[in-house]
């Protein structure tokens, strides 16, 4: 039984230390998954230029195309083929056959997508410009002797150290 308590003590110490480290890490920007055409999906009679306006596409985001798999497709083309609705030699055919295709936006560039089979001429085309995400906001500078910087130091260093010491002390007591 005592061996079990020792093992649990070390797991508790490791868990508390992990939590402290995670709390100290800065928040990350998460990727966004855009459903192309929103509730209308990838279909005819939708103005995809209007749909894309006002949206910021960043590295790591995803485009989700939802469409009738028996009629339409998703082709990535160059700008000339996009303007002229030429689907003969796409850069990439994202069509998987399920009518639910996901395209990762993993390069900073303008992506051009069309649907072949004549649907492009009816407006089934969208261009999205992908950029690097903006840098995280920076805190305004503070005087080093201000109380708020001292509190920030305590929150970033003192509290995790306190958790680690408490976990080690708990483990030490279990050994006795």
Protein backbone atom coordinates (compact mmCIF):
# COMPACT_ATOMS: atom_id res chain seq x y z
CA UNK A 1 0.00 0.00 0.00
CA UNK A 2 2.84 2.37 0.84
CA UNK A 3 4.42 1.76 -2.57
CA UNK A 4 1.13 2.71 -4.18
CA UNK A 5 1.02 5.96 -2.17
CA UNK A 6 4.58 6.79 -3.26
CA UNK A 7 3.66 6.24 -6.89
CA UNK A 8 0.56 8.39 -6.54
CA UNK A 9 2.62 11.11 -4.86
CA UNK A 10 5.04 11.30 -7.78
CA UNK A 11 2.15 11.33 -10.26
CA UNK A 12 0.52 14.15 -8.31
CA UNK A 13 3.78 16.10 -8.29
CA UNK A 14 4.23 15.62 -12.01
CA UNK A 15 0.63 16.61 -12.71
CA UNK A 16 0.87 19.79 -10.63
CA UNK A 17 4.16 20.77 -12.25
CA UNK A 18 2.71 20.16 -15.71
CA UNK A 19 -0.31 22.32 -14.89
CA UNK A 20 1.94 25.10 -13.65
CA UNK A 21 4.01 25.03 -16.85
CA UNK A 22 0.89 25.02 -19.04
CA UNK A 23 -0.53 28.01 -17.18
CA UNK A 24 2.68 29.94 -17.80
CA UNK A 25 2.62 29.35 -21.56
CA UNK A 26 1.28 32.18 -23.74
CA UNK A 27 -1.99 31.55 -25.57
CA UNK A 28 -1.62 30.38 -29.17
CA UNK A 29 -3.61 31.57 -32.13
CA UNK A 30 -5.88 28.80 -33.28
CA UNK A 31 -6.69 27.95 -36.87
CA UNK A 32 -10.08 28.73 -38.34
CA UNK A 33 -12.11 26.37 -40.50
CA UNK A 34 -14.18 28.26 -43.06
CA UNK A 35 -17.15 26.56 -44.71
CA UNK A 36 -16.93 27.96 -48.24
CA UNK A 37 -20.24 29.68 -48.98
CA UNK A 38 -21.33 29.37 -45.34
CA UNK A 39 -24.78 27.78 -45.13
CA UNK A 40 -25.12 27.63 -48.94
CA UNK A 41 -21.96 25.57 -49.40
CA UNK A 42 -20.11 25.10 -52.70
CA UNK A 43 -22.90 25.42 -55.24
CA UNK A 44 -24.13 27.58 -58.10
CA UNK A 45 -25.86 30.94 -57.64
CA UNK A 46 -23.58 32.04 -54.77
CA UNK A 47 -21.29 35.05 -55.03
CA UNK A 48 -18.07 33.70 -53.50
CA UNK A 49 -16.28 37.01 -53.97
CA UNK A 50 -18.78 38.58 -51.57
CA UNK A 51 -18.45 35.57 -49.23
CA UNK A 52 -14.65 35.99 -49.04
CA UNK A 53 -14.76 39.78 -48.52
CA UNK A 54 -13.89 40.89 -45.03
CA UNK A 55 -12.39 37.54 -44.05
CA UNK A 56 -8.75 37.25 -43.06
CA UNK A 57 -7.20 33.95 -44.12
CA UNK A 58 -4.05 32.98 -42.25
CA UNK A 59 -1.53 30.17 -42.44
CA UNK A 60 -2.97 27.12 -40.76
CA UNK A 61 -6.60 27.94 -41.58
CA UNK A 62 -8.76 25.46 -43.51
CA UNK A 63 -11.34 25.71 -46.25
CA UNK A 64 -14.18 23.22 -46.07
CA UNK A 65 -16.06 22.64 -49.35
CA UNK A 66 -19.51 21.04 -49.05
CA UNK A 67 -21.20 20.20 -52.36
CA UNK A 68 -23.12 17.68 -54.47
CA UNK A 69 -20.44 15.11 -55.21
CA UNK A 70 -22.29 13.79 -58.26
CA UNK A 71 -22.17 17.12 -60.10
CA UNK A 72 -19.40 19.41 -58.84
CA UNK A 73 -15.75 19.32 -57.89
CA UNK A 74 -13.04 21.45 -56.26
CA UNK A 75 -10.04 22.36 -58.41
CA UNK A 76 -7.15 24.61 -57.48
CA UNK A 77 -5.95 26.53 -60.54
CA UNK A 78 -3.66 29.44 -61.40
CA UNK A 79 -4.94 33.02 -61.77
CA UNK A 80 -5.31 32.83 -65.58
CA UNK A 81 -7.33 29.61 -65.43
CA UNK A 82 -9.38 31.14 -62.60
CA UNK A 83 -10.25 34.23 -64.66
CA UNK A 84 -11.11 32.15 -67.75
CA UNK A 85 -12.72 29.16 -65.97
CA UNK A 86 -10.27 26.68 -67.49
CA UNK A 87 -10.32 23.37 -65.61
CA UNK A 88 -8.26 21.21 -68.00
CA UNK A 89 -4.97 21.29 -66.05
CA UNK A 90 -5.58 22.13 -62.37
CA UNK A 91 -2.69 22.64 -59.97
CA UNK A 92 -4.49 20.31 -57.57
CA UNK A 93 -7.75 18.38 -57.65
CA UNK A 94 -9.10 18.49 -54.09
CA UNK A 95 -12.15 16.40 -54.99
CA UNK A 96 -12.25 13.24 -52.89
CA UNK A 97 -15.62 12.00 -54.08
CA UNK A 98 -17.40 12.50 -50.78
CA UNK A 99 -18.56 16.07 -51.41
CA UNK A 100 -16.83 17.14 -48.19
CA UNK A 101 -13.35 18.34 -49.07
CA UNK A 102 -10.94 20.06 -46.69
CA UNK A 103 -8.14 22.24 -48.04
CA UNK A 104 -5.34 23.29 -45.66
CA UNK A 105 -4.08 26.82 -46.25
CA UNK A 106 -0.43 26.14 -45.50
CA UNK A 107 1.35 28.54 -47.89
CA UNK A 108 1.22 32.34 -47.99
CA UNK A 109 -0.22 33.03 -51.42
CA UNK A 110 -3.50 33.60 -53.21
CA UNK A 111 -5.36 30.35 -53.75
CA UNK A 112 -7.73 30.09 -56.72
CA UNK A 113 -10.50 27.48 -56.67
CA UNK A 114 -13.06 26.67 -59.33
CA UNK A 115 -15.59 23.98 -60.03
CA UNK A 116 -15.22 22.40 -63.43
CA UNK A 117 -17.97 20.82 -65.53
CA UNK A 118 -19.18 24.31 -66.55
CA UNK A 119 -20.12 25.44 -63.04
CA UNK A 120 -17.29 28.00 -62.92
CA UNK A 121 -19.05 30.02 -65.62
CA UNK A 122 -22.04 30.21 -63.25
CA UNK A 123 -19.89 31.76 -60.51
CA UNK A 124 -18.49 28.71 -58.71
CA UNK A 125 -15.06 30.14 -58.12
CA UNK A 126 -13.35 31.72 -55.16
CA UNK A 127 -9.97 33.34 -54.56
CA UNK A 128 -8.54 33.63 -51.04
CA UNK A 129 -5.37 35.44 -50.07
CA UNK A 130 -3.47 33.73 -47.25
CA UNK A 131 -1.16 35.73 -44.99
CA UNK A 132 1.05 35.06 -42.01
CA UNK A 133 -0.88 35.51 -38.75
CA UNK A 134 -0.38 38.85 -37.02
CA UNK A 135 2.01 38.91 -34.09
CA UNK A 136 0.41 38.58 -30.67
CA UNK A 137 -0.38 41.89 -28.97
CA UNK A 138 2.37 43.22 -26.78
CA UNK A 139 1.82 44.63 -23.32
CA UNK A 140 2.42 48.30 -22.82
CA UNK A 141 5.78 49.07 -21.21
CA UNK A 142 5.77 49.51 -17.44
CA UNK A 143 8.25 50.99 -15.05
CA UNK A 144 10.33 48.20 -13.51
CA UNK A 145 9.70 49.35 -9.95
CA UNK A 146 5.93 49.53 -10.33
CA UNK A 147 3.83 47.20 -8.16
CA UNK A 148 2.11 45.63 -11.18
CA UNK A 149 5.42 44.35 -12.59
CA UNK A 150 6.19 42.80 -9.20
CA UNK A 151 2.80 41.10 -9.21
CA UNK A 152 3.45 39.86 -12.74
CA UNK A 153 6.79 38.40 -11.59
CA UNK A 154 5.07 36.66 -8.68
CA UNK A 155 2.43 35.20 -10.98
CA UNK A 156 4.92 33.93 -13.53
CA UNK A 157 7.64 32.60 -11.24
CA UNK A 158 6.54 32.38 -7.64
CA UNK A 159 3.25 30.50 -8.04
CA UNK A 160 4.64 27.67 -10.24
CA UNK A 161 7.66 27.33 -7.95
CA UNK A 162 5.31 27.15 -4.98
CA UNK A 163 3.35 24.34 -6.68
CA UNK A 164 6.56 22.45 -7.46
CA UNK A 165 7.86 22.77 -3.89
CA UNK A 166 4.50 21.66 -2.48
CA UNK A 167 4.47 18.63 -4.76
CA UNK A 168 8.02 17.67 -3.79
CA UNK A 169 7.21 18.15 -0.12
CA UNK A 170 4.15 15.90 -0.47
CA UNK A 171 6.29 13.25 -2.14
CA UNK A 172 8.90 13.56 0.62
CA UNK A 173 6.26 13.06 3.30
CA UNK A 174 5.01 9.93 1.57
CA UNK A 175 8.52 8.46 1.76
CA UNK A 176 8.53 8.81 5.56
